[in-house]
Amino acid sequence: MSTKNQKKKAKGGVAKMFDRFSTVTTRVTGKPIAFIIAFVIIILWAVSGPVFHYSDTWQLVINTGTTIITFLMVFVIQQSQNKDTMALQLKLNELIASSKDASNRLIDVEDLTPEELEILKKFYIHLSSLAEKESDFKKMHSIEEAAERHKSKLKAIDKH
């Protein structure tokens, strides 16, 4: 096995381990028992204040502990959120791709620039206002329908 392949495999191994760790950690810390444990720790710390005469060290213990946990949890939660977001995007892409009436232009829309997203947003706001004018809730408009209507309007303008 080449050195490049060994590095790639090692990198994948660390990434997989971190992914598993972050998945388990976010599941465990997202449960009520985790909150209760954290709350009990804070109460024990507060109650121990008089024993330690509210010293700087007593305060430093909770400050350091919470700072370290918060710092590490940022990365763990971000990993889980990135994975969840990607899975959600893939599911939405599948729905778009499998629907004959949906525009395939929206697949991977998350990769567009903010300016392109703003243009799409304005289009859908306009599409929504068209739908609001309809008395039948079941009528739908697609990007293609809107494009055809736009072309026909331009042709009508050119004729005048």
Protein backbone atom coordinates (compact mmCIF):
# COMPACT_ATOMS: atom_id res chain seq x y z
CA MET A 1 0.00 0.00 0.00
CA SER A 2 1.36 3.42 -0.94
CA THR A 3 2.04 6.14 1.59
CA LYS A 4 -0.68 8.27 -0.01
CA ASN A 5 -3.27 5.49 0.42
CA GLN A 6 -2.14 4.91 4.02
CA LYS A 7 -2.58 8.62 4.81
CA LYS A 8 -6.00 8.62 3.13
CA LYS A 9 -7.09 5.52 5.07
CA ALA A 10 -5.82 6.99 8.36
CA LYS A 11 -7.62 10.24 7.64
CA GLY A 12 -10.83 8.35 6.90
CA GLY A 13 -10.41 6.36 10.10
CA VAL A 14 -10.10 9.49 12.23
CA ALA A 15 -13.06 11.08 10.46
CA LYS A 16 -15.18 7.96 11.00
CA MET A 17 -14.20 7.76 14.65
CA PHE A 18 -15.03 11.43 15.19
CA ASP A 19 -18.33 11.00 13.35
CA ARG A 20 -19.30 8.06 15.57
CA PHE A 21 -18.16 9.95 18.66
CA SER A 22 -20.12 13.08 17.73
CA THR A 23 -23.24 11.06 16.90
CA VAL A 24 -23.19 9.29 20.26
CA THR A 25 -22.27 12.45 22.15
CA THR A 26 -25.06 14.55 20.62
CA ARG A 27 -27.59 11.80 21.30
CA VAL A 28 -26.51 11.45 24.92
CA THR A 29 -26.20 15.19 25.63
CA GLY A 30 -29.55 15.86 23.98
CA LYS A 31 -31.42 13.77 26.55
CA PRO A 32 -33.04 15.16 29.68
CA ILE A 33 -30.72 13.14 31.92
CA ALA A 34 -27.72 15.07 30.56
CA PHE A 35 -29.39 18.35 31.49
CA ILE A 36 -30.25 17.02 34.93
CA ILE A 37 -26.64 15.90 35.52
CA ALA A 38 -25.32 19.31 34.43
CA PHE A 39 -27.87 21.04 36.65
CA VAL A 40 -26.89 18.88 39.65
CA ILE A 41 -23.22 19.67 39.05
CA ILE A 42 -24.01 23.41 39.08
CA ILE A 43 -26.05 23.03 42.28
CA LEU A 44 -23.25 21.05 43.96
CA TRP A 45 -20.75 23.68 42.90
CA ALA A 46 -22.95 26.50 44.25
CA VAL A 47 -23.58 24.68 47.53
CA SER A 48 -19.84 24.06 47.94
CA GLY A 49 -19.17 27.82 47.76
CA PRO A 50 -19.23 28.42 51.52
CA VAL A 51 -16.96 25.41 52.10
CA PHE A 52 -14.33 26.93 49.80
CA HIS A 53 -15.09 30.49 50.99
CA TYR A 54 -16.12 31.46 47.47
CA SER A 55 -12.45 31.54 46.55
CA ASP A 56 -10.99 32.37 43.18
CA THR A 57 -10.09 28.70 42.75
CA TRP A 58 -13.70 27.69 43.47
CA GLN A 59 -14.90 30.07 40.74
CA LEU A 60 -12.12 29.03 38.39
CA VAL A 61 -13.18 25.37 38.60
CA ILE A 62 -16.66 26.02 37.18
CA ASN A 63 -15.47 28.63 34.69
CA THR A 64 -12.73 26.40 33.31
CA GLY A 65 -14.92 23.30 33.24
CA THR A 66 -17.80 24.97 31.41
CA THR A 67 -15.47 26.74 28.97
CA ILE A 68 -13.70 23.50 28.02
CA ILE A 69 -16.97 21.60 27.62
CA THR A 70 -18.52 24.40 25.55
CA PHE A 71 -15.44 24.67 23.34
CA LEU A 72 -15.37 20.93 22.60
CA MET A 73 -19.15 20.67 22.15
CA VAL A 74 -19.04 23.32 19.40
CA PHE A 75 -17.07 20.91 17.19
CA VAL A 76 -19.12 17.87 18.13
CA ILE A 77 -22.43 19.61 17.46
CA GLN A 78 -21.14 21.14 14.21
CA GLN A 79 -20.10 17.70 12.96
CA SER A 80 -23.54 16.28 13.70
CA GLN A 81 -25.28 19.29 12.20
CA ASN A 82 -23.19 19.10 9.01
CA LYS A 83 -24.07 15.42 8.65
CA ASP A 84 -27.77 16.03 9.31
CA THR A 85 -27.86 18.96 6.90
CA MET A 86 -26.20 16.94 4.15
CA ALA A 87 -28.61 14.03 4.70
CA LEU A 88 -31.57 16.41 4.56
CA GLN A 89 -30.27 18.03 1.37
CA LEU A 90 -29.83 14.63 -0.24
CA LYS A 91 -33.38 13.64 0.70
CA LEU A 92 -34.73 16.88 -0.74
CA ASN A 93 -32.64 16.40 -3.89
CA GLU A 94 -34.13 12.92 -4.27
CA LEU A 95 -37.65 14.29 -3.95
CA ILE A 96 -36.95 17.01 -6.50
CA ALA A 97 -35.28 14.59 -8.90
CA SER A 98 -38.09 12.05 -8.63
CA SER A 99 -40.94 14.52 -9.14
CA LYS A 100 -41.85 15.17 -12.76
CA ASP A 101 -43.30 18.56 -11.87
CA ALA A 102 -40.41 19.83 -9.76
CA SER A 103 -37.63 21.85 -11.30
CA ASN A 104 -34.29 20.06 -11.32
CA ARG A 105 -32.67 23.48 -11.16
CA LEU A 106 -33.26 23.39 -7.41
CA ILE A 107 -31.08 20.33 -6.88
CA ASP A 108 -27.96 21.45 -4.99
CA VAL A 109 -29.45 24.92 -4.55
CA GLU A 110 -27.45 25.16 -1.31
CA ASP A 111 -24.32 25.61 -3.45
CA LEU A 112 -25.57 28.84 -5.04
CA THR A 113 -24.13 32.21 -4.13
CA PRO A 114 -26.08 34.45 -1.75
CA GLU A 115 -26.98 36.68 -4.71
CA GLU A 116 -28.36 33.72 -6.70
CA LEU A 117 -30.32 32.56 -3.66
CA GLU A 118 -31.80 36.03 -3.28
CA ILE A 119 -32.96 35.94 -6.92
CA LEU A 120 -34.60 32.55 -6.35
CA LYS A 121 -36.19 33.80 -3.14
CA LYS A 122 -37.72 36.77 -4.97
CA PHE A 123 -39.01 34.42 -7.66
CA TYR A 124 -40.71 32.18 -5.10
CA ILE A 125 -42.14 35.16 -3.26
CA HIS A 126 -43.63 36.25 -6.58
CA LEU A 127 -44.87 32.72 -7.25
CA SER A 128 -46.45 32.67 -3.80
CA SER A 129 -48.27 35.93 -4.50
CA LEU A 130 -49.64 34.40 -7.72
CA ALA A 131 -50.86 31.37 -5.78
CA GLU A 132 -52.54 33.60 -3.19
CA LYS A 133 -54.60 35.20 -5.96
CA GLU A 134 -55.95 31.79 -6.97
CA SER A 135 -59.21 30.78 -5.40
CA ASP A 136 -58.33 27.07 -5.72
CA PHE A 137 -55.68 25.93 -3.21
CA LYS A 138 -54.83 22.91 -5.33
CA LYS A 139 -53.51 24.90 -8.28
CA MET A 140 -49.73 24.85 -8.50
CA HIS A 141 -47.22 26.89 -10.41
CA SER A 142 -43.80 25.67 -11.43
CA ILE A 143 -40.73 27.51 -12.59
CA GLU A 144 -41.34 26.17 -16.08
CA GLU A 145 -44.92 27.52 -16.08
CA ALA A 146 -43.68 30.87 -14.92
CA ALA A 147 -40.99 30.88 -17.61
CA GLU A 148 -43.54 30.05 -20.32
CA ARG A 149 -45.84 32.79 -19.08
CA HIS A 150 -42.93 35.21 -19.06
CA LYS A 151 -42.01 34.29 -22.66
CA SER A 152 -45.60 34.74 -23.79
CA LYS A 153 -45.76 38.14 -22.10
CA LEU A 154 -42.53 39.21 -23.81
CA LYS A 155 -43.91 38.08 -27.19
CA ALA A 156 -47.10 40.05 -26.53
CA ILE A 157 -45.06 43.15 -25.68
CA ASP A 158 -42.92 42.72 -28.83
CA LYS A 159 -46.05 42.54 -31.01
CA HIS A 160 -47.23 45.94 -29.71
